[in-house]
């Protein structure tokens, strides 16, 4: 199955092995085996009309209203709609923030 994450060149600079930890995904709960520290990414903050917020890297993938994968950096403020585990919500705001180290999870 094709995923847009295949188009991202991630640079991992450190990793920590984990055990007995799970993360909730779009397909349920799955074990987390490592936390990977990445190079610096642009951080975005998404706030939905329902008041939910997400801080994530510019190349973080969310699902649009039709279930398609979208990079956060490609979303259009006040127009794009994303899905959450609580349903589909319009995106109220989407703003760039400062650069800092953002750890990604390898599931």
N, C-alpha and C. Protein backbone atom coordinates (compact mmCIF):
# COMPACT_ATOMS: atom_id res chain seq x y z
N UNK A 1 0.83 -1.18 0.00
CA UNK A 1 0.00 0.00 0.00
C UNK A 1 0.88 1.24 0.00
N UNK A 2 0.58 2.17 -0.89
CA UNK A 2 1.34 3.41 -1.01
C UNK A 2 0.98 4.37 0.13
N UNK A 3 1.98 5.04 0.64
CA UNK A 3 1.78 6.05 1.68
C UNK A 3 2.62 7.26 1.32
N UNK A 4 2.09 8.46 1.53
CA UNK A 4 2.88 9.65 1.21
C UNK A 4 4.11 9.76 2.09
N UNK A 5 4.15 9.02 3.20
CA UNK A 5 5.34 9.05 4.05
C UNK A 5 6.56 8.47 3.33
N UNK A 6 6.33 7.73 2.25
CA UNK A 6 7.45 7.22 1.46
C UNK A 6 8.17 8.34 0.72
N UNK A 7 7.56 9.53 0.63
CA UNK A 7 8.15 10.66 -0.07
C UNK A 7 8.96 11.58 0.83
N UNK A 8 9.11 11.22 2.09
CA UNK A 8 9.80 12.08 3.05
C UNK A 8 11.16 11.49 3.37
N UNK A 9 12.19 12.32 3.28
CA UNK A 9 13.53 11.89 3.63
C UNK A 9 13.80 12.32 5.07
N UNK A 10 13.57 11.42 6.01
CA UNK A 10 13.75 11.74 7.43
C UNK A 10 15.20 11.49 7.84
N UNK A 11 15.72 12.36 8.64
CA UNK A 11 17.08 12.24 9.16
C UNK A 11 17.02 11.96 10.65
N UNK A 12 17.28 10.73 11.02
CA UNK A 12 17.26 10.35 12.43
C UNK A 12 18.67 10.49 12.99
N UNK A 13 18.77 11.12 14.17
CA UNK A 13 20.09 11.36 14.75
C UNK A 13 20.31 10.60 16.05
N UNK A 14 19.26 9.99 16.58
CA UNK A 14 19.40 9.21 17.81
C UNK A 14 18.16 8.35 17.97
N UNK A 15 18.28 7.27 18.76
CA UNK A 15 17.11 6.43 19.02
C UNK A 15 17.19 5.85 20.42
N UNK A 16 16.02 5.56 20.96
CA UNK A 16 15.91 4.93 22.28
C UNK A 16 14.98 3.74 22.12
N UNK A 17 15.43 2.55 22.51
CA UNK A 17 14.60 1.36 22.46
C UNK A 17 13.58 1.39 23.59
N UNK A 18 12.39 0.90 23.30
CA UNK A 18 11.30 0.89 24.27
C UNK A 18 10.69 -0.50 24.37
N UNK A 19 10.03 -0.74 25.48
CA UNK A 19 9.28 -1.99 25.67
C UNK A 19 8.03 -1.68 26.47
N UNK A 20 7.00 -2.49 26.28
CA UNK A 20 5.76 -2.39 27.05
C UNK A 20 5.07 -1.02 26.91
N UNK A 21 5.09 -0.48 25.70
CA UNK A 21 4.44 0.79 25.45
C UNK A 21 3.66 0.69 24.15
N UNK A 22 2.45 1.25 24.14
CA UNK A 22 1.63 1.24 22.94
C UNK A 22 1.21 2.66 22.58
N UNK A 23 0.88 2.85 21.30
CA UNK A 23 0.41 4.13 20.81
C UNK A 23 -0.86 3.89 20.01
N UNK A 24 -1.82 4.82 20.16
CA UNK A 24 -3.06 4.69 19.41
C UNK A 24 -2.87 5.26 18.00
N UNK A 25 -3.23 4.48 16.99
CA UNK A 25 -3.13 4.89 15.60
C UNK A 25 -4.51 4.83 14.96
N UNK A 26 -4.56 5.14 13.68
CA UNK A 26 -5.84 5.09 12.97
C UNK A 26 -6.35 3.66 12.82
N UNK A 27 -5.49 2.68 13.05
CA UNK A 27 -5.91 1.27 12.96
C UNK A 27 -5.92 0.57 14.32
N UNK A 28 -5.91 1.34 15.40
CA UNK A 28 -5.95 0.77 16.74
C UNK A 28 -4.65 0.97 17.49
N UNK A 29 -4.51 0.24 18.58
CA UNK A 29 -3.31 0.34 19.44
C UNK A 29 -2.23 -0.58 18.91
N UNK A 30 -0.97 -0.05 18.86
CA UNK A 30 0.17 -0.82 18.36
C UNK A 30 1.38 -0.59 19.27
N UNK A 31 2.25 -1.61 19.38
CA UNK A 31 3.45 -1.45 20.20
C UNK A 31 4.39 -0.39 19.63
N UNK A 32 5.03 0.36 20.51
CA UNK A 32 6.08 1.29 20.12
C UNK A 32 7.40 0.61 20.48
N UNK A 33 8.28 0.48 19.50
CA UNK A 33 9.55 -0.20 19.74
C UNK A 33 10.71 0.77 19.93
N UNK A 34 10.58 1.99 19.38
CA UNK A 34 11.65 2.98 19.47
C UNK A 34 11.08 4.38 19.45
N UNK A 35 11.81 5.30 20.05
CA UNK A 35 11.58 6.72 19.83
C UNK A 35 12.80 7.21 19.06
N UNK A 36 12.56 7.90 17.96
CA UNK A 36 13.64 8.38 17.11
C UNK A 36 13.71 9.89 17.17
N UNK A 37 14.89 10.41 17.47
CA UNK A 37 15.10 11.85 17.46
C UNK A 37 15.52 12.26 16.06
N UNK A 38 14.89 13.32 15.55
CA UNK A 38 15.14 13.76 14.18
C UNK A 38 15.93 15.06 14.15
N UNK A 39 16.33 15.42 12.94
CA UNK A 39 16.87 16.76 12.72
C UNK A 39 15.74 17.75 12.96
N UNK A 40 16.04 19.04 12.90
CA UNK A 40 15.03 20.05 13.14
C UNK A 40 14.00 20.07 12.02
N UNK A 41 12.74 20.22 12.41
CA UNK A 41 11.63 20.37 11.48
C UNK A 41 10.89 21.64 11.83
N UNK A 42 10.18 22.19 10.85
CA UNK A 42 9.27 23.31 11.12
C UNK A 42 8.08 22.75 11.89
N UNK A 43 7.70 23.37 12.99
CA UNK A 43 6.59 22.92 13.81
C UNK A 43 5.35 23.72 13.46
N UNK A 44 4.24 23.03 13.31
CA UNK A 44 2.94 23.64 13.02
C UNK A 44 1.99 23.35 14.17
N UNK A 45 1.08 24.28 14.42
CA UNK A 45 0.02 24.08 15.38
C UNK A 45 -1.30 24.12 14.64
N UNK A 46 -2.09 23.05 14.77
CA UNK A 46 -3.42 22.99 14.18
C UNK A 46 -4.43 23.11 15.31
N UNK A 47 -5.41 23.98 15.13
CA UNK A 47 -6.53 24.09 16.05
C UNK A 47 -7.80 23.89 15.24
N UNK A 48 -8.60 22.90 15.61
CA UNK A 48 -9.83 22.62 14.88
C UNK A 48 -10.97 23.50 15.39
N UNK A 49 -12.05 23.53 14.64
CA UNK A 49 -13.24 24.29 15.06
C UNK A 49 -13.81 23.73 16.35
N UNK A 50 -13.52 22.46 16.64
CA UNK A 50 -14.00 21.84 17.88
C UNK A 50 -13.08 22.15 19.05
N UNK A 51 -11.98 22.90 18.80
CA UNK A 51 -11.08 23.27 19.88
C UNK A 51 -9.95 22.29 20.13
N UNK A 52 -9.84 21.24 19.32
CA UNK A 52 -8.73 20.30 19.45
C UNK A 52 -7.47 20.92 18.87
N UNK A 53 -6.31 20.64 19.50
CA UNK A 53 -5.06 21.16 18.97
C UNK A 53 -4.06 20.04 18.76
N UNK A 54 -3.18 20.25 17.80
CA UNK A 54 -2.10 19.31 17.49
C UNK A 54 -0.87 20.11 17.13
N UNK A 55 0.23 19.85 17.81
CA UNK A 55 1.52 20.41 17.43
C UNK A 55 2.31 19.30 16.78
N UNK A 56 2.80 19.56 15.57
CA UNK A 56 3.47 18.49 14.83
C UNK A 56 4.45 19.07 13.83
N UNK A 57 5.26 18.19 13.27
CA UNK A 57 6.23 18.58 12.25
C UNK A 57 5.51 18.90 10.94
N UNK A 58 6.16 19.69 10.11
CA UNK A 58 5.57 20.06 8.82
C UNK A 58 5.26 18.85 7.94
N UNK A 59 6.03 17.79 8.06
CA UNK A 59 5.81 16.58 7.28
C UNK A 59 4.96 15.55 8.01
N UNK A 60 4.30 15.95 9.10
CA UNK A 60 3.38 15.06 9.80
C UNK A 60 2.19 14.79 8.89
N UNK A 61 1.69 13.56 8.90
CA UNK A 61 0.59 13.19 8.03
C UNK A 61 -0.70 13.12 8.83
N UNK A 62 -1.74 13.76 8.29
CA UNK A 62 -3.09 13.68 8.84
C UNK A 62 -4.01 13.19 7.73
N UNK A 63 -5.22 12.79 8.11
CA UNK A 63 -6.20 12.36 7.12
C UNK A 63 -7.16 13.50 6.84
N UNK A 64 -7.42 13.75 5.55
CA UNK A 64 -8.39 14.79 5.21
C UNK A 64 -9.81 14.24 5.35
N UNK A 65 -10.79 15.05 5.00
CA UNK A 65 -12.19 14.67 5.20
C UNK A 65 -12.61 13.45 4.38
N UNK A 66 -11.80 13.09 3.37
CA UNK A 66 -12.12 11.94 2.53
C UNK A 66 -11.27 10.72 2.86
N UNK A 67 -10.42 10.83 3.91
CA UNK A 67 -9.57 9.73 4.32
C UNK A 67 -8.24 9.67 3.60
N UNK A 68 -7.91 10.69 2.82
CA UNK A 68 -6.63 10.74 2.11
C UNK A 68 -5.55 11.30 3.01
N UNK A 69 -4.33 10.78 2.88
CA UNK A 69 -3.21 11.29 3.65
C UNK A 69 -2.79 12.65 3.10
N UNK A 70 -2.52 13.59 4.04
CA UNK A 70 -2.07 14.93 3.66
C UNK A 70 -0.95 15.36 4.60
N UNK A 71 0.11 15.99 4.06
CA UNK A 71 1.10 16.60 4.91
C UNK A 71 0.50 17.86 5.53
N UNK A 72 0.78 18.10 6.79
CA UNK A 72 0.26 19.28 7.48
C UNK A 72 0.66 20.55 6.74
N UNK A 73 1.87 20.60 6.22
CA UNK A 73 2.34 21.82 5.53
C UNK A 73 1.52 22.12 4.27
N UNK A 74 0.76 21.15 3.76
CA UNK A 74 -0.04 21.37 2.56
C UNK A 74 -1.50 21.71 2.85
N UNK A 75 -1.88 21.76 4.13
CA UNK A 75 -3.25 22.11 4.48
C UNK A 75 -3.47 23.60 4.31
N UNK A 76 -4.71 23.98 4.00
CA UNK A 76 -5.05 25.39 3.78
C UNK A 76 -5.87 25.88 4.97
N UNK A 77 -5.34 26.87 5.71
CA UNK A 77 -6.07 27.38 6.88
C UNK A 77 -7.48 27.83 6.51
N UNK A 78 -8.42 27.52 7.40
CA UNK A 78 -9.83 27.88 7.27
C UNK A 78 -10.54 27.20 6.10
N UNK A 79 -9.84 26.30 5.41
CA UNK A 79 -10.46 25.62 4.28
C UNK A 79 -10.33 24.10 4.40
N UNK A 80 -9.13 23.61 4.67
CA UNK A 80 -8.91 22.17 4.76
C UNK A 80 -9.65 21.58 5.95
N UNK A 81 -10.11 20.35 5.79
CA UNK A 81 -10.76 19.63 6.88
C UNK A 81 -9.97 18.37 7.15
N UNK A 82 -9.80 18.06 8.44
CA UNK A 82 -9.06 16.86 8.82
C UNK A 82 -9.96 15.96 9.66
N UNK A 83 -9.54 14.70 9.76
CA UNK A 83 -10.27 13.74 10.58
C UNK A 83 -9.54 13.55 11.90
N UNK A 84 -10.32 13.40 12.97
CA UNK A 84 -9.78 13.03 14.27
C UNK A 84 -10.51 11.78 14.73
N UNK A 85 -10.12 11.22 15.83
CA UNK A 85 -10.83 10.04 16.32
C UNK A 85 -12.24 10.40 16.78
N UNK A 86 -12.52 11.69 16.91
CA UNK A 86 -13.85 12.14 17.31
C UNK A 86 -14.73 12.52 16.13
N UNK A 87 -14.20 12.45 14.90
CA UNK A 87 -14.97 12.79 13.71
C UNK A 87 -14.21 13.74 12.81
N UNK A 88 -14.92 14.29 11.84
CA UNK A 88 -14.32 15.19 10.86
C UNK A 88 -14.53 16.63 11.31
N UNK A 89 -13.47 17.41 11.28
CA UNK A 89 -13.54 18.79 11.73
C UNK A 89 -12.83 19.71 10.76
N UNK A 90 -13.39 20.88 10.58
CA UNK A 90 -12.71 21.91 9.80
C UNK A 90 -11.50 22.41 10.57
N UNK A 91 -10.54 22.88 9.85
CA UNK A 91 -9.34 23.40 10.47
C UNK A 91 -9.50 24.89 10.66
N UNK A 92 -9.57 25.32 11.90
CA UNK A 92 -9.78 26.74 12.21
C UNK A 92 -8.53 27.55 11.92
N UNK A 93 -7.40 27.08 12.42
CA UNK A 93 -6.14 27.78 12.20
C UNK A 93 -5.04 26.76 11.95
N UNK A 94 -4.00 27.21 11.31
CA UNK A 94 -2.82 26.37 11.10
C UNK A 94 -1.66 27.34 10.98
N UNK A 95 -0.76 27.32 11.93
CA UNK A 95 0.31 28.30 11.91
C UNK A 95 1.66 27.64 12.07
N UNK A 96 2.66 28.23 11.40
CA UNK A 96 4.03 27.78 11.56
C UNK A 96 4.53 28.28 12.90
N UNK A 97 5.41 27.49 13.48
CA UNK A 97 6.02 27.91 14.74
C UNK A 97 7.52 27.81 14.59
N UNK A 98 8.23 27.99 15.67
CA UNK A 98 9.69 27.95 15.68
C UNK A 98 10.22 26.58 15.31
N UNK A 99 11.48 26.52 14.97
CA UNK A 99 12.15 25.25 14.74
C UNK A 99 12.64 24.69 16.07
N UNK A 100 12.45 23.40 16.26
CA UNK A 100 13.09 22.73 17.39
C UNK A 100 13.08 21.24 17.12
N UNK A 101 13.80 20.50 17.94
CA UNK A 101 13.89 19.06 17.72
C UNK A 101 12.56 18.42 18.02
N UNK A 102 12.13 17.58 17.12
CA UNK A 102 10.84 16.91 17.23
C UNK A 102 11.06 15.44 17.12
N UNK A 103 10.74 14.67 18.16
CA UNK A 103 10.93 13.22 18.13
C UNK A 103 9.79 12.54 17.42
N UNK A 104 10.10 11.63 16.55
CA UNK A 104 9.09 10.84 15.86
C UNK A 104 9.06 9.44 16.45
N UNK A 105 7.89 8.81 16.43
CA UNK A 105 7.76 7.46 16.92
C UNK A 105 7.82 6.49 15.77
N UNK A 106 8.59 5.43 15.93
CA UNK A 106 8.58 4.34 14.96
C UNK A 106 7.72 3.24 15.56
N UNK A 107 6.61 2.96 14.92
CA UNK A 107 5.65 1.99 15.46
C UNK A 107 5.82 0.67 14.75
